[in-house]
Amino acid sequence: MLVLLNKHCNLKLTKFIAKLVECNHSSQYHFDKIKPIEVTSMNLNQKISQLRNDNNWSQEELAEKLNVSRQSVSKWESGQAKPDLDKIIALSNIFDVSTDYLLKDDNEEKSNKSTNKHHFSLSWIQFGRLNSAIWAIAGAIYFICGFAFDNWDSSMIIFSITLILTIIIRLFAH
C-alpha cells in the first residue's frame, strides 16, 4: 500500500514539475522578466513612483488611468501634494495593493513591530517568574512532606535534583 502511495505521489510531483518547465518555456508566461521586490523604507510619494515604474508607465499614462493631469501625478511623486482619498482608492485598485500599504509609513510599521516584541518579552519574563514561584511552592511542599512523613522515595530525589538544577540554571540565565 505504501509503495503504491509513494508511486502515486512521485507521479503527481513529476507531472507538476513538467508543467512548471512547460510554463517557463512557454511564450505565454515570462518568468524571466519578474523583478524582485526591494524592501526599503518608503512613504506615499515614493510608493506611487515605485509602483508606476514597476508597471513601466509614464506619469502621463498613470494620469490618464486616474483622470487627472500629469502635473498632479508629478506633484504626488515629488511630495508637493497628496492625492485625494478617492484617488488613493483608485491607485490601490490600479496597482493591486492595499490602501494600508499606500498610506502607512514603513517606519511606523517597523516601530509597531518592535513595540510588539517588547510586550512579548515582558510576557516571557512574567511567565518565568510564575514558573519560578510554582517550582518554589512545589519544592517546599515536597521537602516538608519528605521531612514530616520521612518519605524519601526515588521520585522525591529526582524531583529535588530537578528543582535544584532548575534554580541554578535560572540564576545563571539572567
N, C-alpha and C. Protein backbone atom coordinates (compact mmCIF):
# COMPACT_ATOMS: atom_id res chain seq x y z
N MET A 1 0.83 -1.20 0.00
CA MET A 1 0.00 0.00 0.00
C MET A 1 0.87 1.26 0.00
N LEU A 2 1.90 1.25 0.85
CA LEU A 2 2.79 2.39 0.95
C LEU A 2 3.54 2.62 -0.35
N VAL A 3 3.92 1.52 -1.03
CA VAL A 3 4.64 1.63 -2.30
C VAL A 3 3.74 2.27 -3.36
N LEU A 4 2.47 1.85 -3.40
CA LEU A 4 1.52 2.44 -4.36
C LEU A 4 1.32 3.92 -4.09
N LEU A 5 1.19 4.28 -2.83
CA LEU A 5 1.02 5.69 -2.46
C LEU A 5 2.25 6.49 -2.85
N ASN A 6 3.43 5.94 -2.61
CA ASN A 6 4.68 6.62 -2.95
C ASN A 6 4.79 6.82 -4.46
N LYS A 7 4.45 5.78 -5.25
CA LYS A 7 4.49 5.90 -6.72
C LYS A 7 3.49 6.96 -7.19
N HIS A 8 2.30 6.98 -6.58
CA HIS A 8 1.27 7.95 -6.95
C HIS A 8 1.76 9.38 -6.67
N CYS A 9 2.38 9.59 -5.50
CA CYS A 9 2.89 10.92 -5.15
C CYS A 9 4.02 11.33 -6.07
N ASN A 10 4.91 10.39 -6.40
CA ASN A 10 6.02 10.70 -7.30
C ASN A 10 5.51 11.05 -8.69
N LEU A 11 4.47 10.36 -9.15
CA LEU A 11 3.89 10.65 -10.46
C LEU A 11 3.28 12.05 -10.47
N LYS A 12 2.54 12.39 -9.41
CA LYS A 12 1.95 13.73 -9.32
C LYS A 12 3.03 14.81 -9.29
N LEU A 13 4.10 14.57 -8.53
CA LEU A 13 5.19 15.54 -8.43
C LEU A 13 5.88 15.69 -9.78
N THR A 14 6.10 14.60 -10.49
CA THR A 14 6.73 14.65 -11.80
C THR A 14 5.88 15.46 -12.78
N LYS A 15 4.56 15.24 -12.77
CA LYS A 15 3.67 16.00 -13.65
C LYS A 15 3.70 17.48 -13.30
N PHE A 16 3.74 17.80 -12.00
CA PHE A 16 3.79 19.19 -11.57
C PHE A 16 5.06 19.87 -12.05
N ILE A 17 6.20 19.20 -11.90
CA ILE A 17 7.48 19.76 -12.34
C ILE A 17 7.48 19.94 -13.85
N ALA A 18 6.93 18.97 -14.58
CA ALA A 18 6.86 19.08 -16.04
C ALA A 18 6.01 20.29 -16.45
N LYS A 19 4.92 20.52 -15.74
CA LYS A 19 4.06 21.66 -16.03
C LYS A 19 4.79 22.98 -15.76
N LEU A 20 5.58 23.02 -14.67
CA LEU A 20 6.36 24.22 -14.38
C LEU A 20 7.37 24.51 -15.48
N VAL A 21 8.06 23.47 -15.94
CA VAL A 21 9.05 23.64 -17.01
C VAL A 21 8.36 24.10 -18.28
N GLU A 22 7.19 23.51 -18.58
CA GLU A 22 6.44 23.90 -19.77
C GLU A 22 6.03 25.37 -19.69
N CYS A 23 5.56 25.80 -18.53
CA CYS A 23 5.15 27.19 -18.36
C CYS A 23 6.35 28.13 -18.49
N ASN A 24 7.49 27.71 -17.99
CA ASN A 24 8.68 28.55 -18.02
C ASN A 24 9.17 28.77 -19.45
N HIS A 25 8.99 27.77 -20.31
CA HIS A 25 9.47 27.89 -21.69
C HIS A 25 8.38 28.36 -22.65
N SER A 26 7.17 28.53 -22.14
CA SER A 26 6.07 28.99 -22.96
C SER A 26 6.19 30.49 -23.22
N SER A 27 5.72 30.92 -24.38
CA SER A 27 5.76 32.35 -24.69
C SER A 27 4.66 33.11 -23.94
N GLN A 28 3.69 32.36 -23.40
CA GLN A 28 2.60 33.00 -22.68
C GLN A 28 3.07 33.54 -21.33
N TYR A 29 4.02 32.86 -20.69
CA TYR A 29 4.50 33.27 -19.37
C TYR A 29 5.91 33.80 -19.49
N HIS A 30 6.21 34.84 -18.76
CA HIS A 30 7.53 35.46 -18.82
C HIS A 30 8.12 35.52 -17.41
N PHE A 31 8.50 34.35 -16.88
CA PHE A 31 9.04 34.31 -15.52
C PHE A 31 10.39 34.98 -15.42
N ASP A 32 11.13 35.04 -16.55
CA ASP A 32 12.45 35.65 -16.50
C ASP A 32 12.36 37.18 -16.38
N LYS A 33 11.18 37.75 -16.60
CA LYS A 33 11.03 39.20 -16.53
C LYS A 33 10.49 39.68 -15.19
N ILE A 34 10.25 38.73 -14.27
CA ILE A 34 9.75 39.11 -12.96
C ILE A 34 10.86 39.77 -12.18
N LYS A 35 10.57 40.96 -11.66
CA LYS A 35 11.57 41.70 -10.90
C LYS A 35 11.39 41.41 -9.41
N PRO A 36 12.49 41.21 -8.70
CA PRO A 36 12.35 41.03 -7.25
C PRO A 36 11.93 42.34 -6.60
N ILE A 37 11.13 42.24 -5.57
CA ILE A 37 10.67 43.42 -4.86
C ILE A 37 11.72 43.81 -3.84
N GLU A 38 12.15 45.05 -3.90
CA GLU A 38 13.13 45.54 -2.94
C GLU A 38 12.38 46.12 -1.75
N VAL A 39 12.79 45.71 -0.56
CA VAL A 39 12.15 46.20 0.65
C VAL A 39 12.96 47.38 1.17
N THR A 40 12.39 48.56 1.02
CA THR A 40 13.03 49.76 1.53
C THR A 40 11.98 50.59 2.24
N SER A 41 12.43 51.52 3.02
CA SER A 41 11.51 52.39 3.74
C SER A 41 11.02 53.47 2.78
N MET A 42 9.69 53.49 2.53
CA MET A 42 9.14 54.45 1.58
C MET A 42 7.90 55.10 2.17
N ASN A 43 7.65 56.32 1.71
CA ASN A 43 6.41 56.98 2.06
C ASN A 43 5.52 57.01 0.82
N LEU A 44 4.37 57.66 0.90
CA LEU A 44 3.37 57.61 -0.17
C LEU A 44 3.92 58.03 -1.52
N ASN A 45 4.62 59.17 -1.58
CA ASN A 45 5.09 59.65 -2.89
C ASN A 45 6.10 58.67 -3.50
N GLN A 46 6.96 58.09 -2.68
CA GLN A 46 7.93 57.13 -3.21
C GLN A 46 7.24 55.85 -3.66
N LYS A 47 6.20 55.44 -2.94
CA LYS A 47 5.47 54.23 -3.31
C LYS A 47 4.75 54.41 -4.65
N ILE A 48 4.14 55.57 -4.85
CA ILE A 48 3.45 55.83 -6.12
C ILE A 48 4.46 55.79 -7.26
N SER A 49 5.58 56.44 -7.09
CA SER A 49 6.61 56.46 -8.13
C SER A 49 7.14 55.06 -8.40
N GLN A 50 7.42 54.30 -7.33
CA GLN A 50 7.95 52.95 -7.49
C GLN A 50 6.95 52.04 -8.20
N LEU A 51 5.69 52.09 -7.80
CA LEU A 51 4.67 51.25 -8.42
C LEU A 51 4.46 51.62 -9.88
N ARG A 52 4.49 52.91 -10.19
CA ARG A 52 4.34 53.35 -11.58
C ARG A 52 5.50 52.83 -12.42
N ASN A 53 6.72 52.96 -11.90
CA ASN A 53 7.89 52.49 -12.64
C ASN A 53 7.90 50.97 -12.78
N ASP A 54 7.44 50.26 -11.75
CA ASP A 54 7.37 48.80 -11.83
C ASP A 54 6.44 48.34 -12.95
N ASN A 55 5.42 49.14 -13.24
CA ASN A 55 4.48 48.81 -14.31
C ASN A 55 4.88 49.41 -15.65
N ASN A 56 6.05 50.06 -15.68
CA ASN A 56 6.57 50.69 -16.91
C ASN A 56 5.59 51.69 -17.50
N TRP A 57 4.97 52.48 -16.63
CA TRP A 57 4.05 53.51 -17.07
C TRP A 57 4.71 54.87 -16.91
N SER A 58 4.37 55.77 -17.82
CA SER A 58 4.81 57.16 -17.68
C SER A 58 3.84 57.86 -16.74
N GLN A 59 4.21 59.04 -16.31
CA GLN A 59 3.30 59.82 -15.47
C GLN A 59 2.02 60.14 -16.24
N GLU A 60 2.17 60.36 -17.54
CA GLU A 60 1.01 60.66 -18.39
C GLU A 60 0.05 59.47 -18.43
N GLU A 61 0.59 58.25 -18.57
CA GLU A 61 -0.26 57.06 -18.63
C GLU A 61 -1.02 56.84 -17.31
N LEU A 62 -0.32 57.03 -16.21
CA LEU A 62 -0.98 56.88 -14.91
C LEU A 62 -2.05 57.96 -14.74
N ALA A 63 -1.75 59.17 -15.17
CA ALA A 63 -2.70 60.28 -15.07
C ALA A 63 -3.98 59.97 -15.85
N GLU A 64 -3.83 59.37 -17.04
CA GLU A 64 -5.00 59.02 -17.84
C GLU A 64 -5.86 57.98 -17.13
N LYS A 65 -5.22 57.00 -16.50
CA LYS A 65 -5.97 55.95 -15.81
C LYS A 65 -6.74 56.52 -14.61
N LEU A 66 -6.22 57.60 -14.02
CA LEU A 66 -6.85 58.20 -12.84
C LEU A 66 -7.71 59.41 -13.17
N ASN A 67 -7.74 59.81 -14.44
CA ASN A 67 -8.47 61.00 -14.88
C ASN A 67 -7.99 62.26 -14.15
N VAL A 68 -6.68 62.41 -14.09
CA VAL A 68 -6.06 63.61 -13.52
C VAL A 68 -5.00 64.09 -14.49
N SER A 69 -4.42 65.24 -14.20
CA SER A 69 -3.38 65.76 -15.08
C SER A 69 -2.03 65.11 -14.75
N ARG A 70 -1.11 65.18 -15.72
CA ARG A 70 0.23 64.66 -15.50
C ARG A 70 0.91 65.43 -14.38
N GLN A 71 0.60 66.72 -14.27
CA GLN A 71 1.19 67.55 -13.23
C GLN A 71 0.77 67.08 -11.83
N SER A 72 -0.47 66.60 -11.71
CA SER A 72 -0.93 66.07 -10.42
C SER A 72 -0.10 64.87 -10.00
N VAL A 73 0.12 63.96 -10.94
CA VAL A 73 0.94 62.77 -10.64
C VAL A 73 2.35 63.20 -10.28
N SER A 74 2.88 64.17 -11.01
CA SER A 74 4.23 64.67 -10.73
C SER A 74 4.32 65.26 -9.32
N LYS A 75 3.30 66.02 -8.92
CA LYS A 75 3.29 66.62 -7.58
C LYS A 75 3.17 65.54 -6.49
N TRP A 76 2.37 64.49 -6.77
CA TRP A 76 2.26 63.40 -5.80
C TRP A 76 3.60 62.72 -5.59
N GLU A 77 4.28 62.46 -6.72
CA GLU A 77 5.55 61.73 -6.65
C GLU A 77 6.67 62.57 -6.05
N SER A 78 6.60 63.88 -6.22
CA SER A 78 7.64 64.74 -5.65
C SER A 78 7.33 65.11 -4.20
N GLY A 79 6.14 64.78 -3.73
CA GLY A 79 5.76 65.08 -2.35
C GLY A 79 5.22 66.48 -2.16
N GLN A 80 4.98 67.21 -3.25
CA GLN A 80 4.45 68.57 -3.15
C GLN A 80 2.96 68.57 -2.83
N ALA A 81 2.28 67.47 -3.17
CA ALA A 81 0.85 67.35 -2.90
C ALA A 81 0.53 65.89 -2.61
N LYS A 82 -0.63 65.68 -2.01
CA LYS A 82 -1.08 64.32 -1.72
C LYS A 82 -2.38 64.07 -2.48
N PRO A 83 -2.57 62.86 -2.99
CA PRO A 83 -3.81 62.57 -3.71
C PRO A 83 -5.01 62.54 -2.77
N ASP A 84 -6.18 62.86 -3.32
CA ASP A 84 -7.42 62.78 -2.56
C ASP A 84 -7.71 61.32 -2.23
N LEU A 85 -8.62 61.11 -1.29
CA LEU A 85 -8.95 59.76 -0.85
C LEU A 85 -9.48 58.89 -1.99
N ASP A 86 -10.32 59.46 -2.86
CA ASP A 86 -10.84 58.68 -3.98
C ASP A 86 -9.72 58.27 -4.94
N LYS A 87 -8.71 59.11 -5.08
CA LYS A 87 -7.58 58.78 -5.96
C LYS A 87 -6.68 57.73 -5.31
N ILE A 88 -6.58 57.76 -3.97
CA ILE A 88 -5.80 56.73 -3.27
C ILE A 88 -6.46 55.37 -3.45
N ILE A 89 -7.79 55.35 -3.36
CA ILE A 89 -8.52 54.09 -3.58
C ILE A 89 -8.31 53.62 -5.02
N ALA A 90 -8.38 54.55 -5.97
CA ALA A 90 -8.15 54.19 -7.38
C ALA A 90 -6.72 53.69 -7.58
N LEU A 91 -5.75 54.33 -6.94
CA LEU A 91 -4.35 53.88 -7.04
C LEU A 91 -4.20 52.46 -6.50
N SER A 92 -4.85 52.18 -5.38
CA SER A 92 -4.74 50.83 -4.81
C SER A 92 -5.35 49.79 -5.74
N ASN A 93 -6.44 50.15 -6.43
CA ASN A 93 -7.05 49.22 -7.38
C ASN A 93 -6.18 49.04 -8.62
N ILE A 94 -5.63 50.13 -9.13
CA ILE A 94 -4.81 50.07 -10.34
C ILE A 94 -3.54 49.26 -10.10
N PHE A 95 -2.89 49.50 -8.96
CA PHE A 95 -1.63 48.82 -8.67
C PHE A 95 -1.82 47.50 -7.95
N ASP A 96 -3.07 47.17 -7.60
CA ASP A 96 -3.41 45.94 -6.90
C ASP A 96 -2.65 45.82 -5.57
N VAL A 97 -2.70 46.90 -4.80
CA VAL A 97 -2.13 46.92 -3.45
C VAL A 97 -3.20 47.46 -2.51
N SER A 98 -3.01 47.28 -1.22
CA SER A 98 -4.00 47.77 -0.26
C SER A 98 -3.78 49.27 -0.01
N THR A 99 -4.84 49.91 0.44
CA THR A 99 -4.71 51.32 0.81
C THR A 99 -3.81 51.46 2.03
N ASP A 100 -3.81 50.45 2.89
CA ASP A 100 -2.89 50.47 4.04
C ASP A 100 -1.45 50.53 3.58
N TYR A 101 -1.12 49.75 2.55
CA TYR A 101 0.25 49.77 2.03
C TYR A 101 0.61 51.17 1.54
N LEU A 102 -0.33 51.80 0.83
CA LEU A 102 -0.04 53.13 0.29
C LEU A 102 0.06 54.19 1.39
N LEU A 103 -0.82 54.14 2.37
CA LEU A 103 -0.92 55.23 3.34
C LEU A 103 0.00 55.08 4.54
N LYS A 104 0.24 53.85 4.99
CA LYS A 104 1.06 53.67 6.18
C LYS A 104 2.53 53.86 5.85
N ASP A 105 3.19 54.61 6.71
CA ASP A 105 4.62 54.82 6.56
C ASP A 105 5.34 53.56 7.02
N ASP A 106 6.34 53.13 6.27
CA ASP A 106 7.08 51.92 6.62
C ASP A 106 7.73 52.03 7.99
N ASN A 107 8.21 53.22 8.35
CA ASN A 107 8.84 53.40 9.66
C ASN A 107 7.85 53.19 10.79
N GLU A 108 6.59 53.58 10.57
CA GLU A 108 5.54 53.40 11.57
C GLU A 108 5.29 51.92 11.81
N GLU A 109 5.26 51.12 10.72
CA GLU A 109 5.04 49.69 10.85
C GLU A 109 6.19 49.03 11.60
N LYS A 110 7.43 49.46 11.30
CA LYS A 110 8.59 48.88 11.98
C LYS A 110 8.56 49.19 13.47
N SER A 111 8.15 50.41 13.84
CA SER A 111 8.11 50.76 15.26
C SER A 111 7.03 49.96 15.98
N ASN A 112 5.90 49.69 15.29
CA ASN A 112 4.85 48.87 15.90
C ASN A 112 5.34 47.45 16.13
N LYS A 113 6.12 46.91 15.19
CA LYS A 113 6.64 45.56 15.35
C LYS A 113 7.62 45.50 16.51
N SER A 114 8.48 46.51 16.65
CA SER A 114 9.43 46.48 17.76
C SER A 114 8.71 46.63 19.09
N THR A 115 7.62 47.39 19.12
CA THR A 115 6.83 47.52 20.35
C THR A 115 6.21 46.18 20.71
N ASN A 116 5.70 45.45 19.72
CA ASN A 116 5.11 44.14 19.98
C ASN A 116 6.15 43.18 20.52
N LYS A 117 7.38 43.24 20.02
CA LYS A 117 8.44 42.37 20.53
C LYS A 117 8.71 42.69 21.98
N HIS A 118 8.66 43.98 22.34
CA HIS A 118 8.90 44.39 23.72
C HIS A 118 7.83 43.79 24.64
N HIS A 119 6.56 43.88 24.23
CA HIS A 119 5.49 43.31 25.04
C HIS A 119 5.63 41.80 25.13
N PHE A 120 6.05 41.16 24.05
CA PHE A 120 6.23 39.72 24.05
C PHE A 120 7.30 39.31 25.04
N SER A 121 8.41 40.06 25.09
CA SER A 121 9.47 39.70 26.03
C SER A 121 9.02 39.93 27.47
N LEU A 122 8.17 40.93 27.70
CA LEU A 122 7.65 41.12 29.05
C LEU A 122 6.80 39.94 29.48
N SER A 123 6.01 39.40 28.59
CA SER A 123 5.18 38.26 28.95
C SER A 123 6.04 37.04 29.27
N TRP A 124 7.17 36.88 28.60
CA TRP A 124 8.07 35.77 28.91
C TRP A 124 8.70 35.97 30.28
N ILE A 125 9.01 37.20 30.66
CA ILE A 125 9.55 37.47 31.99
C ILE A 125 8.51 37.11 33.05
N GLN A 126 7.26 37.51 32.81
CA GLN A 126 6.20 37.18 33.75
C GLN A 126 6.00 35.67 33.84
N PHE A 127 6.08 35.00 32.70
CA PHE A 127 5.97 33.54 32.69
C PHE A 127 7.10 32.91 33.50
N GLY A 128 8.30 33.43 33.35
CA GLY A 128 9.44 32.90 34.09
C GLY A 128 9.28 33.09 35.58
N ARG A 129 8.76 34.23 35.99
CA ARG A 129 8.52 34.48 37.42
C ARG A 129 7.46 33.53 37.97
N LEU A 130 6.39 33.35 37.22
CA LEU A 130 5.34 32.43 37.64
C LEU A 130 5.87 31.01 37.72
N ASN A 131 6.66 30.62 36.74
CA ASN A 131 7.26 29.29 36.72
C ASN A 131 8.14 29.09 37.95
N SER A 132 8.95 30.09 38.28
CA SER A 132 9.82 30.01 39.46
C SER A 132 9.01 29.90 40.74
N ALA A 133 7.92 30.66 40.83
CA ALA A 133 7.08 30.61 42.02
C ALA A 133 6.44 29.24 42.18
N ILE A 134 5.96 28.66 41.09
CA ILE A 134 5.35 27.33 41.15
C ILE A 134 6.38 26.30 41.59
N TRP A 135 7.58 26.35 41.02
CA TRP A 135 8.64 25.42 41.41
C TRP A 135 8.98 25.58 42.88
N ALA A 136 9.06 26.81 43.36
CA ALA A 136 9.40 27.06 44.76
C ALA A 136 8.33 26.50 45.70
N ILE A 137 7.06 26.72 45.36
CA ILE A 137 5.97 26.20 46.19
C ILE A 137 5.96 24.67 46.17
N ALA A 138 6.09 24.09 44.97
CA ALA A 138 6.11 22.63 44.86
C ALA A 138 7.30 22.05 45.62
N GLY A 139 8.45 22.69 45.51
CA GLY A 139 9.64 22.22 46.22
C GLY A 139 9.45 22.28 47.72
N ALA A 140 8.86 23.36 48.20
CA ALA A 140 8.62 23.49 49.64
C ALA A 140 7.68 22.40 50.13
N ILE A 141 6.62 22.13 49.37
CA ILE A 141 5.67 21.08 49.76
C ILE A 141 6.35 19.72 49.81
N TYR A 142 7.16 19.40 48.78
CA TYR A 142 7.84 18.11 48.76
C TYR A 142 8.83 17.97 49.92
N PHE A 143 9.59 19.04 50.20
CA PHE A 143 10.55 18.96 51.30
C PHE A 143 9.85 18.84 52.66
N ILE A 144 8.77 19.59 52.84
CA ILE A 144 8.02 19.50 54.10
C ILE A 144 7.44 18.09 54.27
N CYS A 145 6.83 17.57 53.20
CA CYS A 145 6.27 16.22 53.27
C CYS A 145 7.37 15.17 53.48
N GLY A 146 8.50 15.37 52.83
CA GLY A 146 9.60 14.42 52.98
C GLY A 146 10.12 14.37 54.40
N PHE A 147 10.29 15.54 55.02
CA PHE A 147 10.78 15.57 56.40
C PHE A 147 9.69 15.16 57.39
N ALA A 148 8.46 15.62 57.17
CA ALA A 148 7.38 15.35 58.12
C ALA A 148 7.00 13.87 58.15
N PHE A 149 6.93 13.25 56.98
CA PHE A 149 6.47 11.86 56.92
C PHE A 149 7.62 10.89 56.68
N ASP A 150 8.83 11.41 56.60
CA ASP A 150 10.02 10.60 56.36
C ASP A 150 9.81 9.69 55.14
N ASN A 151 9.34 10.33 54.06
CA ASN A 151 9.02 9.59 52.84
C ASN A 151 9.95 10.07 51.72
N TRP A 152 11.12 9.49 51.61
CA TRP A 152 12.09 9.90 50.60
C TRP A 152 12.26 8.78 49.57
N ASP A 153 11.30 8.59 48.73
CA ASP A 153 11.46 7.58 47.68
C ASP A 153 12.22 8.16 46.49
N SER A 154 12.42 7.37 45.45
CA SER A 154 13.24 7.80 44.31
C SER A 154 12.63 8.99 43.57
N SER A 155 11.31 9.08 43.50
CA SER A 155 10.69 10.21 42.80
C SER A 155 10.97 11.51 43.53
N MET A 156 11.05 11.46 44.86
CA MET A 156 11.37 12.66 45.64
C MET A 156 12.79 13.11 45.35
N ILE A 157 13.71 12.18 45.23
CA ILE A 157 15.11 12.52 44.96
C ILE A 157 15.24 13.11 43.56
N ILE A 158 14.57 12.50 42.59
CA ILE A 158 14.62 13.01 41.21
C ILE A 158 14.01 14.41 41.15
N PHE A 159 12.89 14.59 41.84
CA PHE A 159 12.27 15.91 41.86
C PHE A 159 13.19 16.94 42.50
N SER A 160 13.81 16.58 43.60
CA SER A 160 14.71 17.51 44.30
C SER A 160 15.88 17.91 43.42
N ILE A 161 16.48 16.94 42.73
CA ILE A 161 17.61 17.24 41.84
C ILE A 161 17.14 18.15 40.70
N THR A 162 15.98 17.86 40.13
CA THR A 162 15.44 18.68 39.04
C THR A 162 15.18 20.11 39.53
N LEU A 163 14.62 20.23 40.72
CA LEU A 163 14.35 21.54 41.29
C LEU A 163 15.64 22.33 41.49
N ILE A 164 16.64 21.71 42.05
CA ILE A 164 17.92 22.39 42.30
C ILE A 164 18.57 22.80 40.98
N LEU A 165 18.58 21.91 39.99
CA LEU A 165 19.16 22.24 38.68
C LEU A 165 18.40 23.39 38.02
N THR A 166 17.09 23.40 38.12
CA THR A 166 16.29 24.47 37.53
C THR A 166 16.63 25.81 38.17
N ILE A 167 16.76 25.83 39.49
CA ILE A 167 17.10 27.07 40.19
C ILE A 167 18.48 27.55 39.77
N ILE A 168 19.45 26.64 39.67
CA ILE A 168 20.81 27.03 39.26
C ILE A 168 20.80 27.59 37.84
N ILE A 169 20.10 26.93 36.94
CA ILE A 169 20.04 27.39 35.54
C ILE A 169 19.39 28.76 35.48
N ARG A 170 18.30 28.96 36.22
CA ARG A 170 17.62 30.26 36.20
C ARG A 170 18.50 31.37 36.76
N LEU A 171 19.31 31.05 37.77
CA LEU A 171 20.20 32.06 38.34
C LEU A 171 21.27 32.49 37.35
N PHE A 172 21.82 31.53 36.61
CA PHE A 172 22.89 31.85 35.66
C PHE A 172 22.36 32.31 34.31
N ALA A 173 21.07 32.13 34.04
CA ALA A 173 20.50 32.56 32.76
C ALA A 173 20.29 34.06 32.71
N HIS A 174 20.19 34.72 33.84
CA HIS A 174 19.94 36.17 33.85
C HIS A 174 21.21 36.87 33.68
